[in-house]
Protein backbone atom coordinates (compact mmCIF):
# COMPACT_ATOMS: atom_id res chain seq x y z
CA UNK A 1 42.30 1.08 -12.24
CA UNK A 2 38.95 -0.96 -13.39
CA UNK A 3 38.03 -1.98 -9.72
CA UNK A 4 37.27 1.43 -8.43
CA UNK A 5 35.53 2.43 -11.52
CA UNK A 6 33.35 -0.77 -11.20
CA UNK A 7 32.71 -0.04 -7.77
CA UNK A 8 31.86 3.52 -8.39
CA UNK A 9 29.38 2.60 -11.05
CA UNK A 10 27.92 0.03 -8.71
CA UNK A 11 27.28 2.52 -6.17
CA UNK A 12 25.79 4.97 -8.66
CA UNK A 13 23.64 2.17 -10.03
CA UNK A 14 22.29 1.26 -6.38
CA UNK A 15 21.63 4.76 -5.54
CA UNK A 16 19.68 5.52 -8.79
CA UNK A 17 17.63 2.10 -7.84
CA UNK A 18 16.79 3.18 -4.43
CA UNK A 19 15.81 6.80 -5.77
CA UNK A 20 13.50 5.08 -8.45
CA UNK A 21 12.02 2.86 -5.69
CA UNK A 22 11.43 5.34 -3.54
CA UNK A 23 10.00 7.43 -6.16
CA UNK A 24 7.63 4.69 -7.24
CA UNK A 25 6.31 4.18 -3.92
CA UNK A 26 5.39 7.80 -3.10
CA UNK A 27 4.74 9.79 -6.13
CA UNK A 28 1.32 8.58 -6.78
CA UNK A 29 -0.27 9.55 -3.75
CA UNK A 30 -0.78 13.40 -4.88
CA UNK A 31 -1.03 14.17 -1.15
CA UNK A 32 0.04 17.82 -1.51
CA UNK A 33 -2.04 20.70 -2.89
CA UNK A 34 0.70 23.13 -2.93
CA UNK A 35 4.21 24.11 -1.58
CA UNK A 36 6.15 27.29 -1.06
CA UNK A 37 9.06 27.87 -3.48
CA UNK A 38 11.79 30.70 -3.94
CA UNK A 39 12.03 32.16 -7.36
CA UNK A 40 13.64 35.34 -8.90
CA UNK A 41 10.48 37.10 -7.90
CA UNK A 42 10.60 35.83 -4.33
CA UNK A 43 8.58 33.48 -2.12
CA UNK A 44 5.55 32.06 -4.17
CA UNK A 45 3.34 29.13 -4.14
CA UNK A 46 4.00 25.99 -6.30
CA UNK A 47 0.38 24.31 -6.94
CA UNK A 48 -0.06 20.76 -7.68
CA UNK A 49 -2.83 18.23 -8.28
CA UNK A 50 -3.99 16.36 -4.98
CA UNK A 51 -6.50 13.97 -3.66
CA UNK A 52 -7.48 12.57 -0.44
CA UNK A 53 -5.90 9.38 0.92
CA UNK A 54 -7.73 6.08 0.34
CA UNK A 55 -10.09 5.10 3.55
CA UNK A 56 -12.53 2.85 4.74
CA UNK A 57 -15.80 4.30 3.30
CA UNK A 58 -18.04 2.36 5.35
CA UNK A 59 -17.72 4.55 8.15
CA UNK A 60 -19.64 7.15 6.39
CA UNK A 61 -22.42 5.41 4.67
CA UNK A 62 -26.25 5.17 5.05
CA UNK A 63 -27.91 1.81 4.48
CA UNK A 64 -31.55 1.12 3.31
CA UNK A 65 -33.03 -2.23 2.90
CA UNK A 66 -35.99 -3.07 0.34
CA UNK A 67 -38.51 -4.54 1.52
CA UNK A 68 -38.16 -2.58 4.73
CA UNK A 69 -39.38 -5.50 6.84
CA UNK A 70 -37.07 -8.18 5.28
CA UNK A 71 -34.66 -8.19 8.23
CA UNK A 72 -35.41 -11.32 10.66
CA UNK A 73 -36.63 -11.05 14.15
CA UNK A 74 -40.39 -9.59 13.92
CA UNK A 75 -42.05 -11.89 14.52
CA UNK A 76 -39.00 -14.07 16.13
CA UNK A 77 -37.89 -17.02 13.94
CA UNK A 78 -35.84 -20.01 14.39
CA UNK A 79 -33.38 -21.22 11.58
CA UNK A 80 -32.03 -24.48 10.54
CA UNK A 81 -28.55 -24.72 9.21
CA UNK A 82 -28.04 -25.24 5.35
CA UNK A 83 -25.77 -28.21 5.67
CA UNK A 84 -27.61 -29.92 8.37
CA UNK A 85 -31.65 -29.55 8.27
CA UNK A 86 -31.78 -31.23 11.53
CA UNK A 87 -29.68 -28.31 13.36
CA UNK A 88 -32.20 -25.87 14.12
CA UNK A 89 -31.06 -23.84 16.96
CA UNK A 90 -30.51 -20.42 15.36
CA UNK A 91 -32.80 -17.78 17.01
CA UNK A 92 -33.55 -14.26 15.46
CA UNK A 93 -35.48 -11.92 17.64
CA UNK A 94 -35.36 -8.18 17.09
CA UNK A 95 -36.61 -7.35 20.55
CA UNK A 96 -33.65 -9.26 22.05
CA UNK A 97 -30.10 -7.47 21.53
CA UNK A 98 -28.29 -10.79 21.70
CA UNK A 99 -30.48 -12.32 19.23
CA UNK A 100 -31.10 -9.45 16.70
CA UNK A 101 -29.47 -9.15 13.44
CA UNK A 102 -30.18 -5.46 12.14
CA UNK A 103 -28.48 -4.11 9.08
CA UNK A 104 -25.71 -2.01 10.89
CA UNK A 105 -24.01 -5.40 11.87
CA UNK A 106 -22.69 -5.62 8.21
CA UNK A 107 -20.50 -2.56 8.91
CA UNK A 108 -19.57 -3.00 12.50
CA UNK A 109 -15.98 -4.15 13.48
CA UNK A 110 -15.15 -7.58 12.66
CA UNK A 111 -13.25 -10.21 14.91
CA UNK A 112 -15.89 -10.41 17.74
CA UNK A 113 -16.94 -13.94 18.74
CA UNK A 114 -19.54 -14.93 18.00
CA UNK A 115 -19.62 -13.07 14.64
CA UNK A 116 -22.35 -10.42 14.09
CA UNK A 117 -24.30 -10.22 11.20
CA UNK A 118 -27.35 -9.16 9.31
CA UNK A 119 -29.87 -11.69 8.56
CA UNK A 120 -33.23 -11.82 6.25
CA UNK A 121 -36.39 -13.36 6.95
CA UNK A 122 -36.35 -17.17 5.70
CA UNK A 123 -37.79 -18.24 2.47
CA UNK A 124 -41.08 -19.15 3.93
CA UNK A 125 -43.03 -17.83 0.90
CA UNK A 126 -41.44 -20.18 -1.42
CA UNK A 127 -41.82 -20.64 -4.41
CA UNK A 128 -41.95 -16.73 -4.58
CA UNK A 129 -38.62 -15.24 -4.93
CA UNK A 130 -36.88 -14.29 -1.85
CA UNK A 131 -35.50 -10.74 -3.02
CA UNK A 132 -33.77 -8.18 -1.09
CA UNK A 133 -32.15 -4.76 -2.21
CA UNK A 134 -29.30 -3.48 0.05
CA UNK A 135 -28.49 0.21 -0.82
CA UNK A 136 -25.62 1.90 0.26
CA UNK A 137 -25.47 5.68 -0.03
CA UNK A 138 -22.83 8.52 0.71
CA UNK A 139 -24.51 11.59 -0.62
CA UNK A 140 -21.18 12.40 -1.95
CA UNK A 141 -19.18 11.05 -5.17
CA UNK A 142 -16.60 8.76 -4.19
CA UNK A 143 -13.65 6.92 -6.12
CA UNK A 144 -13.22 3.23 -5.52
CA UNK A 145 -9.69 2.24 -4.63
CA UNK A 146 -9.96 -1.34 -3.73
CA UNK A 147 -12.08 -4.54 -4.12
CA UNK A 148 -15.64 -4.37 -3.01
CA UNK A 149 -15.81 -7.35 -0.56
CA UNK A 150 -19.11 -8.86 0.82
CA UNK A 151 -18.77 -11.60 3.40
CA UNK A 152 -21.68 -13.89 3.92
CA UNK A 153 -22.57 -15.78 7.10
CA UNK A 154 -24.83 -17.89 5.17
CA UNK A 155 -24.26 -19.55 1.83
CA UNK A 156 -23.36 -17.22 -0.89
CA UNK A 157 -26.39 -16.44 -2.95
CA UNK A 158 -27.03 -18.59 -6.10
CA UNK A 159 -28.02 -15.36 -7.99
CA UNK A 160 -27.36 -11.72 -7.20
CA UNK A 161 -26.25 -8.41 -9.03
CA UNK A 162 -24.10 -5.61 -7.92
CA UNK A 163 -25.31 -2.10 -9.34
CA UNK A 164 -23.92 1.31 -9.05
CA UNK A 165 -25.33 5.00 -9.29
CA UNK A 166 -23.51 8.03 -10.33
CA UNK A 167 -26.56 10.57 -9.77
CA UNK A 168 -27.35 9.65 -5.92
CA UNK A 169 -29.66 6.91 -6.61
CA UNK A 170 -31.90 8.49 -9.30
CA UNK A 171 -30.56 5.95 -12.08
CA UNK A 172 -28.92 2.53 -11.95
CA UNK A 173 -26.51 0.51 -13.97
CA UNK A 174 -25.22 -3.09 -13.39
CA UNK A 175 -21.61 -3.65 -12.05
CA UNK A 176 -21.37 -7.24 -12.08
CA UNK A 177 -23.76 -10.41 -12.24
CA UNK A 178 -23.06 -13.56 -10.06
CA UNK A 179 -24.77 -16.74 -10.50
CA UNK A 180 -24.06 -20.54 -10.24
CA UNK A 181 -25.00 -20.67 -13.87
CA UNK A 182 -24.80 -17.47 -15.97
CA UNK A 183 -26.68 -18.65 -18.99
CA UNK A 184 -29.52 -19.66 -17.11
CA UNK A 185 -30.00 -16.87 -14.69
CA UNK A 186 -28.93 -13.81 -17.03
CA UNK A 187 -28.55 -15.43 -20.56
CA UNK A 188 -24.63 -14.24 -20.32
CA UNK A 189 -21.50 -16.42 -21.07
CA UNK A 190 -19.78 -16.72 -17.59
CA UNK A 191 -16.38 -14.83 -17.44
CA UNK A 192 -13.95 -13.70 -14.91
CA UNK A 193 -11.87 -10.41 -14.51
CA UNK A 194 -9.16 -12.39 -15.89
CA UNK A 195 -10.86 -12.53 -19.28
CA UNK A 196 -10.93 -8.91 -19.51
CA UNK A 197 -8.25 -6.50 -21.52
CA UNK A 198 -7.58 -3.06 -21.65
CA UNK A 199 -10.23 -2.62 -24.52
CA UNK A 200 -12.85 -4.56 -22.65
CA UNK A 201 -12.41 -3.45 -19.02
CA UNK A 202 -15.76 -1.49 -19.11
CA UNK A 203 -17.66 -4.67 -20.04
CA UNK A 204 -20.30 -5.95 -17.50
CA UNK A 205 -19.66 -9.45 -16.81
CA UNK A 206 -21.39 -12.36 -15.23
CA UNK A 207 -19.03 -14.62 -13.02
CA UNK A 208 -19.63 -18.19 -11.49
CA UNK A 209 -16.39 -17.72 -9.34
CA UNK A 210 -18.34 -16.57 -6.15
CA UNK A 211 -21.47 -18.72 -6.43
CA UNK A 212 -20.74 -22.15 -7.80
CA UNK A 213 -20.21 -24.98 -5.45
CA UNK A 214 -21.39 -26.01 -1.91
CA UNK A 215 -18.33 -24.48 -0.14
CA UNK A 216 -19.73 -22.07 2.01
CA UNK A 217 -18.25 -23.12 5.18
CA UNK A 218 -14.80 -22.47 3.86
CA UNK A 219 -15.44 -19.71 1.33
CA UNK A 220 -17.81 -16.75 2.43
CA UNK A 221 -16.72 -14.02 0.49
CA UNK A 222 -18.02 -12.48 -2.94
CA UNK A 223 -15.74 -9.75 -4.66
CA UNK A 224 -15.92 -7.05 -7.23
CA UNK A 225 -12.32 -6.78 -8.31
CA UNK A 226 -11.11 -3.27 -8.58
CA UNK A 227 -7.41 -3.95 -8.26
CA UNK A 228 -7.39 -6.41 -11.15
CA UNK A 229 -8.95 -4.13 -13.56
CA UNK A 230 -6.34 -1.37 -12.26
CA UNK A 231 -3.78 -3.88 -13.15
CA UNK A 232 -4.79 -3.96 -16.67
CA UNK A 233 -2.65 -0.74 -17.17
CA UNK A 234 -0.55 -0.64 -14.04
CA UNK A 235 0.70 -4.23 -14.20
CA UNK A 236 -0.02 -7.33 -11.98
CA UNK A 237 1.51 -5.73 -8.79
CA UNK A 238 0.34 -2.13 -9.83
CA UNK A 239 3.98 -0.96 -10.01
CA UNK A 240 3.39 1.18 -13.08
CA UNK A 241 0.68 3.66 -11.51
CA UNK A 242 1.76 6.27 -14.02
CA UNK A 243 0.33 4.30 -16.90
CA UNK A 244 -3.16 3.82 -14.70
CA UNK A 245 -3.21 7.61 -13.82
CA UNK A 246 -2.48 8.59 -17.30
CA UNK A 247 -5.59 6.37 -18.52
CA UNK A 248 -7.94 7.89 -15.79
CA UNK A 249 -6.65 11.17 -16.90
CA UNK A 250 -7.41 11.02 -20.51
CA UNK A 251 -10.44 8.65 -20.63
CA UNK A 252 -13.51 9.90 -18.65
CA UNK A 253 -15.53 6.68 -19.08
CA UNK A 254 -12.74 4.80 -17.30
CA UNK A 255 -12.71 7.13 -14.44
CA UNK A 256 -16.42 7.09 -14.24
CA UNK A 257 -16.25 3.45 -14.21
CA UNK A 258 -14.64 3.58 -10.74
CA UNK A 259 -16.82 6.49 -9.41
CA UNK A 260 -20.10 6.09 -7.78
CA UNK A 261 -22.41 7.92 -5.28
CA UNK A 262 -24.33 4.74 -4.35
CA UNK A 263 -23.96 0.92 -4.39
CA UNK A 264 -26.86 -1.47 -4.35
CA UNK A 265 -26.75 -5.24 -3.79
CA UNK A 266 -29.73 -7.22 -5.18
CA UNK A 267 -29.98 -10.76 -3.67
CA UNK A 268 -32.02 -12.72 -6.20
CA UNK A 269 -31.90 -16.37 -5.07
CA UNK A 270 -30.05 -17.53 -1.70
CA UNK A 271 -28.13 -20.58 -1.36
CA UNK A 272 -29.93 -23.74 -1.45
CA UNK A 273 -27.10 -26.49 -1.25
CA UNK A 274 -26.42 -29.43 -3.22
CA UNK A 275 -29.76 -31.07 -3.09
CA UNK A 276 -32.05 -28.07 -4.03
CA UNK A 277 -35.00 -26.56 -2.22
CA UNK A 278 -36.54 -28.67 0.45
CA UNK A 279 -40.05 -27.41 0.61
CA UNK A 280 -40.66 -28.81 4.04
CA UNK A 281 -37.82 -26.93 5.76
CA UNK A 282 -37.74 -23.57 4.27
CA UNK A 283 -36.11 -22.05 7.26
CA UNK A 284 -32.79 -23.23 5.78
CA UNK A 285 -32.84 -20.62 3.12
CA UNK A 286 -32.18 -17.14 3.87
CA UNK A 287 -29.35 -14.41 3.58
CA UNK A 288 -27.03 -13.33 6.30
CA UNK A 289 -23.99 -10.85 5.72
CA UNK A 290 -21.33 -10.23 8.29
CA UNK A 291 -19.29 -7.67 6.55
CA UNK A 292 -19.15 -5.23 3.57
CA UNK A 293 -15.79 -3.67 2.80
CA UNK A 294 -15.52 -0.67 0.42
CA UNK A 295 -12.42 1.35 0.37
CA UNK A 296 -12.10 4.71 -1.57
CA UNK A 297 -11.56 8.47 -1.41
CA UNK A 298 -13.85 11.29 -1.96
CA UNK A 299 -13.80 12.55 -5.34
CA UNK A 300 -12.44 16.28 -5.21
CA UNK A 301 -11.48 16.59 -8.93
CA UNK A 302 -7.72 16.78 -7.71
CA UNK A 303 -8.42 19.99 -6.12
CA UNK A 304 -8.12 18.84 -2.23
CA UNK A 305 -6.27 16.46 -0.21
CA UNK A 306 -8.61 15.76 2.55
CA UNK A 307 -12.42 15.19 2.91
CA UNK A 308 -14.47 15.87 6.19
CA UNK A 309 -17.31 14.17 7.81
CA UNK A 310 -19.61 16.61 9.44
CA UNK A 311 -23.24 16.57 10.39
CA UNK A 312 -23.48 13.11 8.71
CA UNK A 313 -22.18 14.51 5.37
CA UNK A 314 -18.85 14.16 3.51
CA UNK A 315 -17.21 17.12 1.63
CA UNK A 316 -14.13 18.27 0.18
CA UNK A 317 -11.73 20.92 1.89
CA UNK A 318 -11.25 22.64 -1.28
CA UNK A 319 -7.88 24.14 -2.35
CA UNK A 320 -6.77 26.04 -5.53
CA UNK A 321 -9.60 28.56 -5.02
CA UNK A 322 -12.27 26.07 -5.68
CA UNK A 323 -15.31 25.40 -3.76
CA UNK A 324 -18.34 22.80 -3.69
CA UNK A 325 -18.74 19.35 -2.31
CA UNK A 326 -16.54 18.03 -5.16
CA UNK A 327 -14.67 21.29 -5.68
CA UNK A 328 -16.59 21.44 -8.84
CA UNK A 329 -16.67 25.12 -9.39
CA UNK A 330 -14.43 28.32 -8.82
CA UNK A 331 -15.04 30.41 -5.60
CA UNK A 332 -16.44 33.64 -5.95
CA UNK A 333 -14.02 36.24 -7.28
CA UNK A 334 -11.83 33.69 -8.57
CA UNK A 335 -13.69 33.20 -11.83
CA UNK A 336 -11.01 34.63 -14.02
CA UNK A 337 -11.19 31.67 -16.28
CA UNK A 338 -13.62 28.69 -16.46
CA UNK A 339 -13.31 26.02 -13.90
CA UNK A 340 -11.26 22.91 -14.62
CA UNK A 341 -10.32 19.63 -12.82
CA UNK A 342 -6.83 19.08 -12.01
CA UNK A 343 -4.77 16.48 -14.00
CA UNK A 344 -2.41 13.58 -12.87
CA UNK A 345 -0.39 14.75 -15.64
CA UNK A 346 2.55 15.23 -15.96
CA UNK A 347 3.80 12.75 -13.66
CA UNK A 348 4.54 13.23 -10.71
CA UNK A 349 2.82 16.49 -9.51
CA UNK A 350 0.31 16.82 -12.23
CA UNK A 351 -1.30 20.11 -12.97
CA UNK A 352 -3.50 21.96 -10.40
CA UNK A 353 -5.77 24.21 -12.82
CA UNK A 354 -6.32 26.49 -10.04
CA UNK A 355 -9.15 29.03 -10.39
CA UNK A 356 -7.71 32.65 -10.78
CA UNK A 357 -8.93 35.95 -9.38
CA UNK A 358 -11.55 37.90 -11.78
CA UNK A 359 -8.92 40.75 -12.42
CA UNK A 360 -6.40 38.53 -14.18
CA UNK A 361 -7.47 39.11 -17.47
CA UNK A 362 -5.54 40.85 -20.34
CA UNK A 363 -6.21 44.57 -20.30
CA UNK A 364 -5.89 46.15 -23.76
CA UNK A 365 -3.84 49.35 -23.67
CA UNK A 366 -1.38 49.89 -26.24
CA UNK A 367 -1.06 49.42 -30.10
CA UNK A 368 2.11 47.59 -30.91
CA UNK A 369 2.11 47.51 -34.57
CA UNK A 370 5.08 49.86 -34.55
CA UNK A 371 6.82 46.61 -33.15
CA UNK A 372 7.28 48.16 -29.81
CA UNK A 373 6.24 46.42 -26.72
CA UNK A 374 5.33 48.56 -23.66
CA UNK A 375 5.40 47.78 -19.78
CA UNK A 376 7.05 44.32 -20.47
CA UNK A 377 8.10 44.20 -17.00
CA UNK A 378 4.64 43.88 -15.50
CA UNK A 379 3.25 40.39 -14.49
CA UNK A 380 1.53 38.43 -17.28
CA UNK A 381 -0.65 35.12 -17.15
CA UNK A 382 0.98 32.61 -19.40
CA UNK A 383 -0.80 29.82 -20.90
CA UNK A 384 -0.02 27.03 -23.49
CA UNK A 385 -2.03 28.80 -26.41
CA UNK A 386 -1.91 32.66 -27.01
CA UNK A 387 0.82 33.66 -24.28
CA UNK A 388 3.28 30.79 -24.36
CA UNK A 389 6.44 30.86 -22.30
CA UNK A 390 9.40 31.46 -24.75
CA UNK A 391 12.64 29.80 -25.10
CA UNK A 392 12.01 26.55 -23.37
CA UNK A 393 10.34 28.22 -20.24
CA UNK A 394 7.70 26.18 -18.57
CA UNK A 395 4.20 27.96 -17.61
CA UNK A 396 3.44 27.20 -13.97
CA UNK A 397 -0.27 26.96 -13.05
CA UNK A 398 -1.14 29.76 -15.76
CA UNK A 399 0.52 32.35 -13.42
CA UNK A 400 4.18 32.75 -14.38
CA UNK A 401 7.13 31.49 -16.45
CA UNK A 402 9.80 29.25 -15.25
CA UNK A 403 12.81 30.48 -17.42
CA UNK A 404 15.76 28.37 -18.40
CA UNK A 405 19.26 29.65 -17.80
CA UNK A 406 20.13 32.28 -20.09
CA UNK A 407 16.67 33.98 -20.37
CA UNK A 408 14.38 36.16 -18.16
CA UNK A 409 11.39 38.23 -18.28
CA UNK A 410 7.92 37.40 -18.03
CA UNK A 411 7.56 35.10 -20.97
CA UNK A 412 11.30 34.20 -20.87
CA UNK A 413 11.62 36.57 -23.91
CA UNK A 414 14.62 38.47 -22.46
CA UNK A 415 18.31 37.07 -22.86
CA UNK A 416 19.86 37.71 -19.70
CA UNK A 417 22.81 39.19 -21.28
CA UNK A 418 20.76 42.43 -21.87
CA UNK A 419 21.37 43.18 -18.19
CA UNK A 420 25.18 42.55 -18.45
CA UNK A 421 27.52 45.54 -18.72
CA UNK A 422 28.51 45.03 -22.48
CA UNK A 423 25.05 43.93 -23.45
CA UNK A 424 24.29 41.11 -25.76
CA UNK A 425 26.32 42.65 -28.31
CA UNK A 426 29.70 42.20 -26.24
CA UNK A 427 31.65 39.29 -27.64
CA UNK A 428 32.04 37.64 -24.41
CA UNK A 429 28.14 37.34 -23.89
CA UNK A 430 27.71 34.38 -26.24
CA UNK A 431 24.68 36.04 -27.68
CA UNK A 432 23.69 38.66 -30.45
CA UNK A 433 21.54 41.53 -29.66
CA UNK A 434 17.82 41.21 -30.48
CA UNK A 435 16.12 43.32 -32.96
CA UNK A 436 12.84 44.92 -32.20
CA UNK A 437 11.50 42.45 -34.69
CA UNK A 438 13.00 39.51 -33.12
CA UNK A 439 11.81 40.63 -29.57
CA UNK A 440 8.44 40.76 -30.47
CA UNK A 441 8.56 37.45 -32.21
CA UNK A 442 9.70 35.92 -29.07
CA UNK A 443 6.92 37.61 -26.91
CA UNK A 444 4.07 36.58 -29.37
CA UNK A 445 2.83 33.08 -30.38
CA UNK A 446 3.77 32.22 -33.85
CA UNK A 447 0.40 32.51 -35.39
CA UNK A 448 0.14 36.13 -34.24
CA UNK A 449 3.81 37.30 -34.46
CA UNK A 450 3.41 38.92 -37.76
CA UNK A 451 -0.10 40.38 -37.10
CA UNK A 452 -0.59 43.92 -35.55
CA UNK A 453 -2.52 43.69 -32.25
CA UNK A 454 -3.19 45.16 -28.99
CA UNK A 455 -1.13 43.96 -26.07
CA UNK A 456 -2.17 44.83 -22.41
CA UNK A 457 -0.98 44.70 -19.01
CA UNK A 458 -2.23 42.36 -16.53
CA UNK A 459 -2.44 43.31 -12.83
CA UNK A 460 -2.97 40.52 -10.17
CA UNK A 461 -2.43 40.09 -6.60
CA UNK A 462 0.36 37.87 -5.25
CA UNK A 463 -1.26 34.52 -4.34
CA UNK A 464 0.00 33.36 -0.87
């Protein structure tokens, strides 16, 4: 008898594990904004929080260099290799396509041979600093979803900064500092992202991981680690995304930390190699970047699952009766309550917080101080404050209550036995008949149950 039981339990456990694994890998996308469901009232919409898929955001950016004439090739110039001052056969000429290194080559498709890259002028004005600002703009709010990776074709800079803007470049704040010596360059103790904790995740650090050592031939990349920061909440392999989404949902500063409209790379000192600056051969010192990767998604406040690029501008395709580039306001005639962003919670569908038509407001019609409730069969907007679903019912998108078995009505205030032949007083019904006082206490929130007030009917169209 034990073998069949063991096999049955094992099969059940495997089935449960497969279900959990499938759930874990798919629930976190929030890729649907609504779905049609059947209820007692018929076919209706079930609204959910939603967001666009993560994408390569370098396809939609605008890049600006400061100073504007910092790109090599005008006039033509010959460069020497950093590791070999006698190898001076690299020419840059802006007038010749094969020899030009314009900024758009930082964002072209990699894999070509020879590698394409942007290149600055050489450090011919040494000891004056060779300073370059590379500004990347989207004219749209972006949520970062993966590491920012900059690949240098020259040696990695000895000093640089990554900055972010949340207001389209009007103001800037540091994201991370990079240096061969953080104390000397920025008077900051060197740290790595592994030194951060949940409590210090928002700290701005200086790292020496991507600058120290003359190894540029083998390691050309500089990173700003997004996923390592996510892992502080979601675990090393990002398996517990529910925890991360919960934190993003409830901590505005955390969500803003991963949100940008612009990024700025400030190159402060080029690689100089192991021997320092050779003033007799300054053509060895310059910046060259072959690739910049930025993955993210349009910020749509969880009110859209797609983002379009039209006329060189990104904008969300808003759902939930919202509008605006970020779905940041309610559409006209859908301002029955204040706009609110969607919520990741509860997992897995979140809360849509849709905008409702202007005529979905309580209309005061009848005094019920006599404990009578009129027109109870008309539609009512539920919420989690004054008009709560009763008897364990759940308010769906502030539009209707989903009632448990045994109850019906707009706020789940009516036992189903009322509609049975013998009524709720029938011994077979399992429930006693409700008195008028009990009926009113079910309909009203506890704070108002004993207070004479006016209830009104709410008229609203079916939202399909």
